[in-house]
Amino acid sequence: MTGRRSEETTMVILGLTGSIGMGKSTAAKDFRSLGVPVHDADATVHDLLSTGGAAVAAVAAAFPGVVTDGAVDRKALGDRVFDKPDELKELEKILHPLVRRREEDFLRDAFARGAALVVLDIPLLFETGGEDRVDAVAVVTAPPQVQRARVLQRPGMSEEKFRAILAHQVPDEEKRRRADFIIETGEGRAASLRTIKNIVKVAGALHGNKWPPQG
């Protein structure tokens, strides 16, 4: 999905999102396997909070006790801010600018390398207004019973925690309504991969107008 950049060439930015347990991480891997550059917002946050990460000092100052051996204990931090809007906003003030800077570096590099299509993997894309930064949105979805079974298999997960997480996310039905593309993952990897291949073909033919930024 890269090549020589001409004046007429544009780069399409596809936002990839989906609620917890819908299979978004697997979908992101499939985009990568097809040669599409993918920026993972969650992985960026993990890096920022790891030893030597750019957010560690600011998080340590704002949330004393969550840093161990130079890295942020993500579980301790999550417990600290979960269901506490003021604390969560404080954390977002620290992380969001840093994540955006990494995202912009990714887009700048992909554009310079001639990428026709890139994916921004953003779990809370709709919740944070991220759709304004992309040319189209692909939503990963699955039947509720499949989603629930996947999530409850995760270590430390409970019905109560699952319901609380869902309460903080835009409902799947609304995500699907607002999507340009829908990736169903409840019918197996092969079926979702066929959908993703088609999305790459269709989205790659769009005219991107989000990068480079205007004005």
C-alpha atoms as a PDB file:
ATOM      1  CA  MET A   1       0.000   0.000   0.000  1.00  0.00           C
ATOM      2  CA  THR A   2       2.966   2.348  -0.484  1.00  0.00           C
ATOM      3  CA  GLY A   3       4.626   3.780  -3.542  1.00  0.00           C
ATOM      4  CA  ARG A   4       5.915   6.988  -5.088  1.00  0.00           C
ATOM      5  CA  ARG A   5       3.925  10.060  -4.094  1.00  0.00           C
ATOM      6  CA  SER A   6       2.668  12.295  -6.921  1.00  0.00           C
ATOM      7  CA  GLU A   7       0.876  15.616  -6.644  1.00  0.00           C
ATOM      8  CA  GLU A   8      -2.419  13.934  -7.485  1.00  0.00           C
ATOM      9  CA  THR A   9      -2.044  11.137  -4.959  1.00  0.00           C
ATOM     10  CA  THR A  10      -3.936  11.340  -1.695  1.00  0.00           C
ATOM     11  CA  MET A  11      -3.711   9.294   1.474  1.00  0.00           C
ATOM     12  CA  VAL A  12      -6.933   7.897   2.886  1.00  0.00           C
ATOM     13  CA  ILE A  13      -7.180   7.668   6.681  1.00  0.00           C
ATOM     14  CA  LEU A  14      -9.489   4.911   7.888  1.00  0.00           C
ATOM     15  CA  GLY A  15     -10.541   4.914  11.536  1.00  0.00           C
ATOM     16  CA  LEU A  16     -10.896   1.436  13.039  1.00  0.00           C
ATOM     17  CA  THR A  17     -12.969   1.078  16.183  1.00  0.00           C
ATOM     18  CA  GLY A  18     -15.291  -1.239  18.068  1.00  0.00           C
ATOM     19  CA  SER A  19     -16.517  -1.980  21.547  1.00  0.00           C
ATOM     20  CA  ILE A  20     -14.696  -4.276  23.954  1.00  0.00           C
ATOM     21  CA  GLY A  21     -14.535  -7.908  22.840  1.00  0.00           C
ATOM     22  CA  MET A  22     -15.601  -7.289  19.261  1.00  0.00           C
ATOM     23  CA  GLY A  23     -12.332  -8.429  17.665  1.00  0.00           C
ATOM     24  CA  LYS A  24     -10.755  -5.094  16.751  1.00  0.00           C
ATOM     25  CA  SER A  25      -7.191  -6.196  17.532  1.00  0.00           C
ATOM     26  CA  THR A  26      -7.542  -9.158  15.186  1.00  0.00           C
ATOM     27  CA  ALA A  27      -8.989  -6.905  12.488  1.00  0.00           C
ATOM     28  CA  ALA A  28      -6.015  -4.553  12.883  1.00  0.00           C
ATOM     29  CA  LYS A  29      -3.645  -7.515  12.377  1.00  0.00           C
ATOM     30  CA  ASP A  30      -5.514  -8.423   9.201  1.00  0.00           C
ATOM     31  CA  PHE A  31      -5.126  -4.888   7.824  1.00  0.00           C
ATOM     32  CA  ARG A  32      -1.400  -5.110   8.542  1.00  0.00           C
ATOM     33  CA  SER A  33      -1.199  -8.497   6.826  1.00  0.00           C
ATOM     34  CA  LEU A  34      -2.578  -6.821   3.705  1.00  0.00           C
ATOM     35  CA  GLY A  35       0.175  -4.219   3.756  1.00  0.00           C
ATOM     36  CA  VAL A  36      -1.820  -1.372   5.295  1.00  0.00           C
ATOM     37  CA  PRO A  37       0.107   0.711   7.868  1.00  0.00           C
ATOM     38  CA  VAL A  38      -1.751   0.707  11.203  1.00  0.00           C
ATOM     39  CA  HIS A  39      -1.297   3.075  14.137  1.00  0.00           C
ATOM     40  CA  ASP A  40      -2.404   1.464  17.415  1.00  0.00           C
ATOM     41  CA  ALA A  41      -3.519   4.051  19.987  1.00  0.00           C
ATOM     42  CA  ASP A  42      -3.583   1.478  22.810  1.00  0.00           C
ATOM     43  CA  ALA A  43      -0.050   0.327  22.035  1.00  0.00           C
ATOM     44  CA  THR A  44       1.079   3.952  22.036  1.00  0.00           C
ATOM     45  CA  VAL A  45      -0.421   4.495  25.496  1.00  0.00           C
ATOM     46  CA  HIS A  46       1.298   1.329  26.729  1.00  0.00           C
ATOM     47  CA  ASP A  47       4.629   2.650  25.447  1.00  0.00           C
ATOM     48  CA  LEU A  48       4.073   6.072  27.035  1.00  0.00           C
ATOM     49  CA  LEU A  49       3.423   4.433  30.414  1.00  0.00           C
ATOM     50  CA  SER A  50       6.302   1.943  30.244  1.00  0.00           C
ATOM     51  CA  THR A  51       9.789   2.437  31.707  1.00  0.00           C
ATOM     52  CA  GLY A  52      11.234   5.591  30.181  1.00  0.00           C
ATOM     53  CA  GLY A  53       7.886   6.508  28.656  1.00  0.00           C
ATOM     54  CA  ALA A  54       7.120  10.161  28.017  1.00  0.00           C
ATOM     55  CA  ALA A  55       4.039  10.131  30.275  1.00  0.00           C
ATOM     56  CA  VAL A  56       5.491   8.392  33.333  1.00  0.00           C
ATOM     57  CA  ALA A  57       6.675  11.484  35.204  1.00  0.00           C
ATOM     58  CA  ALA A  58       3.449  13.434  34.675  1.00  0.00           C
ATOM     59  CA  VAL A  59       1.291  10.445  35.660  1.00  0.00           C
ATOM     60  CA  ALA A  60       3.413   9.840  38.768  1.00  0.00           C
ATOM     61  CA  ALA A  61       2.933  13.467  39.815  1.00  0.00           C
ATOM     62  CA  ALA A  62      -0.809  13.435  39.219  1.00  0.00           C
ATOM     63  CA  PHE A  63      -1.465   9.957  40.650  1.00  0.00           C
ATOM     64  CA  PRO A  64       1.056   9.186  43.417  1.00  0.00           C
ATOM     65  CA  GLY A  65       1.655   5.522  44.038  1.00  0.00           C
ATOM     66  CA  VAL A  66       0.872   4.131  40.567  1.00  0.00           C
ATOM     67  CA  VAL A  67       4.494   3.966  39.373  1.00  0.00           C
ATOM     68  CA  THR A  68       6.624   0.925  40.184  1.00  0.00           C
ATOM     69  CA  ASP A  69      10.236   0.476  39.032  1.00  0.00           C
ATOM     70  CA  GLY A  70       9.939   3.407  36.655  1.00  0.00           C
ATOM     71  CA  ALA A  71       6.795   2.219  34.878  1.00  0.00           C
ATOM     72  CA  VAL A  72       3.126   2.955  35.450  1.00  0.00           C
ATOM     73  CA  ASP A  73       1.161   0.032  36.859  1.00  0.00           C
ATOM     74  CA  ARG A  74      -1.708   0.176  34.384  1.00  0.00           C
ATOM     75  CA  LYS A  75      -4.036  -1.855  36.581  1.00  0.00           C
ATOM     76  CA  ALA A  76      -3.423   0.426  39.559  1.00  0.00           C
ATOM     77  CA  LEU A  77      -3.938   3.463  37.357  1.00  0.00           C
ATOM     78  CA  GLY A  78      -7.104   1.994  35.873  1.00  0.00           C
ATOM     79  CA  ASP A  79      -8.502   1.291  39.325  1.00  0.00           C
ATOM     80  CA  ARG A  80      -7.625   4.846  40.331  1.00  0.00           C
ATOM     81  CA  VAL A  81      -9.534   6.553  37.500  1.00  0.00           C
ATOM     82  CA  PHE A  82     -12.331   4.094  36.714  1.00  0.00           C
ATOM     83  CA  ASP A  83     -15.744   5.613  37.372  1.00  0.00           C
ATOM     84  CA  LYS A  84     -14.080   8.842  38.551  1.00  0.00           C
ATOM     85  CA  PRO A  85     -14.697  11.483  35.850  1.00  0.00           C
ATOM     86  CA  ASP A  86     -12.410  14.152  37.311  1.00  0.00           C
ATOM     87  CA  GLU A  87      -9.449  11.800  37.649  1.00  0.00           C
ATOM     88  CA  LEU A  88     -10.071  10.388  34.186  1.00  0.00           C
ATOM     89  CA  LYS A  89     -10.083  13.880  32.683  1.00  0.00           C
ATOM     90  CA  GLU A  90      -6.792  14.611  34.424  1.00  0.00           C
ATOM     91  CA  LEU A  91      -5.271  11.468  32.909  1.00  0.00           C
ATOM     92  CA  GLU A  92      -6.627  12.323  29.465  1.00  0.00           C
ATOM     93  CA  LYS A  93      -5.024  15.779  29.663  1.00  0.00           C
ATOM     94  CA  ILE A  94      -1.685  14.048  30.077  1.00  0.00           C
ATOM     95  CA  LEU A  95      -2.079  11.244  27.535  1.00  0.00           C
ATOM     96  CA  HIS A  96      -4.122  12.660  24.670  1.00  0.00           C
ATOM     97  CA  PRO A  97      -1.613  15.279  23.451  1.00  0.00           C
ATOM     98  CA  LEU A  98       1.190  12.710  23.532  1.00  0.00           C
ATOM     99  CA  VAL A  99      -0.868  10.115  21.659  1.00  0.00           C
ATOM    100  CA  ARG A 100      -1.875  12.704  19.056  1.00  0.00           C
ATOM    101  CA  ARG A 101       1.757  13.666  18.525  1.00  0.00           C
ATOM    102  CA  ARG A 102       2.676  10.021  17.880  1.00  0.00           C
ATOM    103  CA  GLU A 103      -0.323   9.705  15.562  1.00  0.00           C
ATOM    104  CA  GLU A 104       0.758  12.746  13.570  1.00  0.00           C
ATOM    105  CA  ASP A 105       4.314  11.395  13.307  1.00  0.00           C
ATOM    106  CA  PHE A 106       2.879   8.124  11.975  1.00  0.00           C
ATOM    107  CA  LEU A 107       0.727   9.927   9.391  1.00  0.00           C
ATOM    108  CA  ARG A 108       3.583  12.180   8.299  1.00  0.00           C
ATOM    109  CA  ASP A 109       5.872   9.190   7.807  1.00  0.00           C
ATOM    110  CA  ALA A 110       3.231   7.125   5.986  1.00  0.00           C
ATOM    111  CA  PHE A 111       2.434  10.027   3.659  1.00  0.00           C
ATOM    112  CA  ALA A 112       6.114  10.566   2.890  1.00  0.00           C
ATOM    113  CA  ARG A 113       6.458   6.870   2.027  1.00  0.00           C
ATOM    114  CA  GLY A 114       3.549   7.089  -0.409  1.00  0.00           C
ATOM    115  CA  ALA A 115       0.911   5.131   1.527  1.00  0.00           C
ATOM    116  CA  ALA A 116      -2.458   5.235  -0.225  1.00  0.00           C
ATOM    117  CA  LEU A 117      -4.362   3.958   2.810  1.00  0.00           C
ATOM    118  CA  VAL A 118      -3.580   3.941   6.526  1.00  0.00           C
ATOM    119  CA  VAL A 119      -5.563   2.798   9.552  1.00  0.00           C
ATOM    120  CA  LEU A 120      -5.878   4.572  12.890  1.00  0.00           C
ATOM    121  CA  ASP A 121      -6.843   1.910  15.436  1.00  0.00           C
ATOM    122  CA  ILE A 122      -8.678   3.979  18.068  1.00  0.00           C
ATOM    123  CA  PRO A 123     -10.840   2.081  20.591  1.00  0.00           C
ATOM    124  CA  LEU A 124     -12.718   5.218  21.734  1.00  0.00           C
ATOM    125  CA  LEU A 125     -12.880   6.894  18.329  1.00  0.00           C
ATOM    126  CA  PHE A 126     -16.499   8.060  18.581  1.00  0.00           C
ATOM    127  CA  GLU A 127     -16.257   8.780  22.289  1.00  0.00           C
ATOM    128  CA  THR A 128     -13.373  11.217  21.730  1.00  0.00           C
ATOM    129  CA  GLY A 129     -14.509  12.841  18.470  1.00  0.00           C
ATOM    130  CA  GLY A 130     -11.864  10.982  16.488  1.00  0.00           C
ATOM    131  CA  GLU A 131     -14.120  10.604  13.446  1.00  0.00           C
ATOM    132  CA  ASP A 132     -13.257  14.213  12.578  1.00  0.00           C
ATOM    133  CA  ARG A 133      -9.653  13.143  11.910  1.00  0.00           C
ATOM    134  CA  VAL A 134     -10.428  10.308   9.484  1.00  0.00           C
ATOM    135  CA  ASP A 135     -11.883  10.005   5.994  1.00  0.00           C
ATOM    136  CA  ALA A 136     -14.012   6.949   6.820  1.00  0.00           C
ATOM    137  CA  VAL A 137     -14.758   4.686   9.774  1.00  0.00           C
ATOM    138  CA  ALA A 138     -14.776   0.885   9.983  1.00  0.00           C
ATOM    139  CA  VAL A 139     -16.581  -0.578  12.998  1.00  0.00           C
ATOM    140  CA  VAL A 140     -15.794  -4.089  14.223  1.00  0.00           C
ATOM    141  CA  THR A 141     -18.834  -5.845  15.650  1.00  0.00           C
ATOM    142  CA  ALA A 142     -20.138  -9.234  16.798  1.00  0.00           C
ATOM    143  CA  PRO A 143     -23.366 -10.587  18.326  1.00  0.00           C
ATOM    144  CA  PRO A 144     -23.790  -9.671  22.020  1.00  0.00           C
ATOM    145  CA  GLN A 145     -23.446 -13.279  23.175  1.00  0.00           C
ATOM    146  CA  VAL A 146     -20.145 -13.639  21.302  1.00  0.00           C
ATOM    147  CA  GLN A 147     -18.864 -10.361  22.710  1.00  0.00           C
ATOM    148  CA  ARG A 148     -19.811 -11.344  26.260  1.00  0.00           C
ATOM    149  CA  ALA A 149     -18.185 -14.784  26.006  1.00  0.00           C
ATOM    150  CA  ARG A 150     -14.935 -13.265  24.700  1.00  0.00           C
ATOM    151  CA  VAL A 151     -14.755 -10.566  27.367  1.00  0.00           C
ATOM    152  CA  LEU A 152     -15.537 -12.835  30.310  1.00  0.00           C
ATOM    153  CA  GLN A 153     -12.615 -15.071  29.309  1.00  0.00           C
ATOM    154  CA  ARG A 154     -10.213 -12.243  30.093  1.00  0.00           C
ATOM    155  CA  PRO A 155      -8.241 -12.426  33.363  1.00  0.00           C
ATOM    156  CA  GLY A 156      -9.780 -10.344  36.136  1.00  0.00           C
ATOM    157  CA  MET A 157     -13.005  -9.696  34.242  1.00  0.00           C
ATOM    158  CA  SER A 158     -16.443  -9.985  35.839  1.00  0.00           C
ATOM    159  CA  GLU A 159     -20.022  -9.348  34.745  1.00  0.00           C
ATOM    160  CA  GLU A 160     -20.065  -6.172  36.835  1.00  0.00           C
ATOM    161  CA  LYS A 161     -16.871  -4.828  35.316  1.00  0.00           C
ATOM    162  CA  PHE A 162     -18.031  -5.759  31.817  1.00  0.00           C
ATOM    163  CA  ARG A 163     -21.281  -3.842  32.280  1.00  0.00           C
ATOM    164  CA  ALA A 164     -19.408  -0.860  33.673  1.00  0.00           C
ATOM    165  CA  ILE A 165     -17.066  -0.777  30.668  1.00  0.00           C
ATOM    166  CA  LEU A 166     -19.990  -0.942  28.248  1.00  0.00           C
ATOM    167  CA  ALA A 167     -21.656   1.937  30.076  1.00  0.00           C
ATOM    168  CA  HIS A 168     -18.669   4.135  29.187  1.00  0.00           C
ATOM    169  CA  GLN A 169     -18.683   3.208  25.490  1.00  0.00           C
ATOM    170  CA  VAL A 170     -20.918   4.323  22.651  1.00  0.00           C
ATOM    171  CA  PRO A 171     -23.366   1.431  22.115  1.00  0.00           C
ATOM    172  CA  ASP A 172     -22.517  -1.008  19.336  1.00  0.00           C
ATOM    173  CA  GLU A 173     -25.791  -0.252  17.556  1.00  0.00           C
ATOM    174  CA  GLU A 174     -24.911   3.440  17.341  1.00  0.00           C
ATOM    175  CA  LYS A 175     -21.359   2.680  16.239  1.00  0.00           C
ATOM    176  CA  ARG A 176     -22.701   0.557  13.393  1.00  0.00           C
ATOM    177  CA  ARG A 177     -25.151   3.278  12.417  1.00  0.00           C
ATOM    178  CA  ARG A 178     -22.358   5.828  12.167  1.00  0.00           C
ATOM    179  CA  ALA A 179     -19.919   3.526  10.360  1.00  0.00           C
ATOM    180  CA  ASP A 180     -18.914   3.674   6.711  1.00  0.00           C
ATOM    181  CA  PHE A 181     -17.827   0.031   6.838  1.00  0.00           C
ATOM    182  CA  ILE A 182     -18.838  -2.795   9.186  1.00  0.00           C
ATOM    183  CA  ILE A 183     -16.631  -5.789   9.975  1.00  0.00           C
ATOM    184  CA  GLU A 184     -18.608  -8.718  11.407  1.00  0.00           C
ATOM    185  CA  THR A 185     -16.355 -11.021  13.414  1.00  0.00           C
ATOM    186  CA  GLY A 186     -18.910 -13.466  14.795  1.00  0.00           C
ATOM    187  CA  GLU A 187     -18.745 -15.753  11.755  1.00  0.00           C
ATOM    188  CA  GLY A 188     -15.042 -16.547  11.935  1.00  0.00           C
ATOM    189  CA  ARG A 189     -11.715 -15.110  10.826  1.00  0.00           C
ATOM    190  CA  ALA A 190     -12.053 -16.098   7.173  1.00  0.00           C
ATOM    191  CA  ALA A 191     -15.329 -14.217   6.751  1.00  0.00           C
ATOM    192  CA  SER A 192     -14.058 -11.070   8.450  1.00  0.00           C
ATOM    193  CA  LEU A 193     -10.846 -11.173   6.410  1.00  0.00           C
ATOM    194  CA  ARG A 194     -12.878 -11.219   3.186  1.00  0.00           C
ATOM    195  CA  THR A 195     -14.701  -8.122   4.406  1.00  0.00           C
ATOM    196  CA  ILE A 196     -11.427  -6.402   5.285  1.00  0.00           C
ATOM    197  CA  LYS A 197      -9.960  -7.169   1.858  1.00  0.00           C
ATOM    198  CA  ASN A 198     -12.979  -5.519   0.275  1.00  0.00           C
ATOM    199  CA  ILE A 199     -12.669  -2.499   2.576  1.00  0.00           C
ATOM    200  CA  VAL A 200      -9.008  -2.087   1.588  1.00  0.00           C
ATOM    201  CA  LYS A 201     -10.032  -2.100  -2.060  1.00  0.00           C
ATOM    202  CA  VAL A 202     -12.921   0.354  -1.656  1.00  0.00           C
ATOM    203  CA  ALA A 203     -11.353   2.685   0.906  1.00  0.00           C
ATOM    204  CA  GLY A 204      -8.073   2.790  -0.973  1.00  0.00           C
ATOM    205  CA  ALA A 205      -9.923   4.219  -3.969  1.00  0.00           C
ATOM    206  CA  LEU A 206     -11.415   7.113  -1.993  1.00  0.00           C
ATOM    207  CA  HIS A 207     -10.042  10.644  -2.111  1.00  0.00           C
ATOM    208  CA  GLY A 208      -8.493  11.461   1.243  1.00  0.00           C
ATOM    209  CA  ASN A 209      -8.812  15.017   2.497  1.00  0.00           C
ATOM    210  CA  LYS A 210      -7.537  14.795   6.099  1.00  0.00           C
ATOM    211  CA  TRP A 211      -3.807  14.636   5.420  1.00  0.00           C
ATOM    212  CA  PRO A 212      -1.822  16.742   5.074  1.00  0.00           C
ATOM    213  CA  PRO A 213      -3.801  19.037   7.411  1.00  0.00           C
ATOM    214  CA  GLN A 214      -5.337  22.100   5.808  1.00  0.00           C
ATOM    215  CA  GLY A 215      -4.763  25.520   7.308  1.00  0.00           C
END
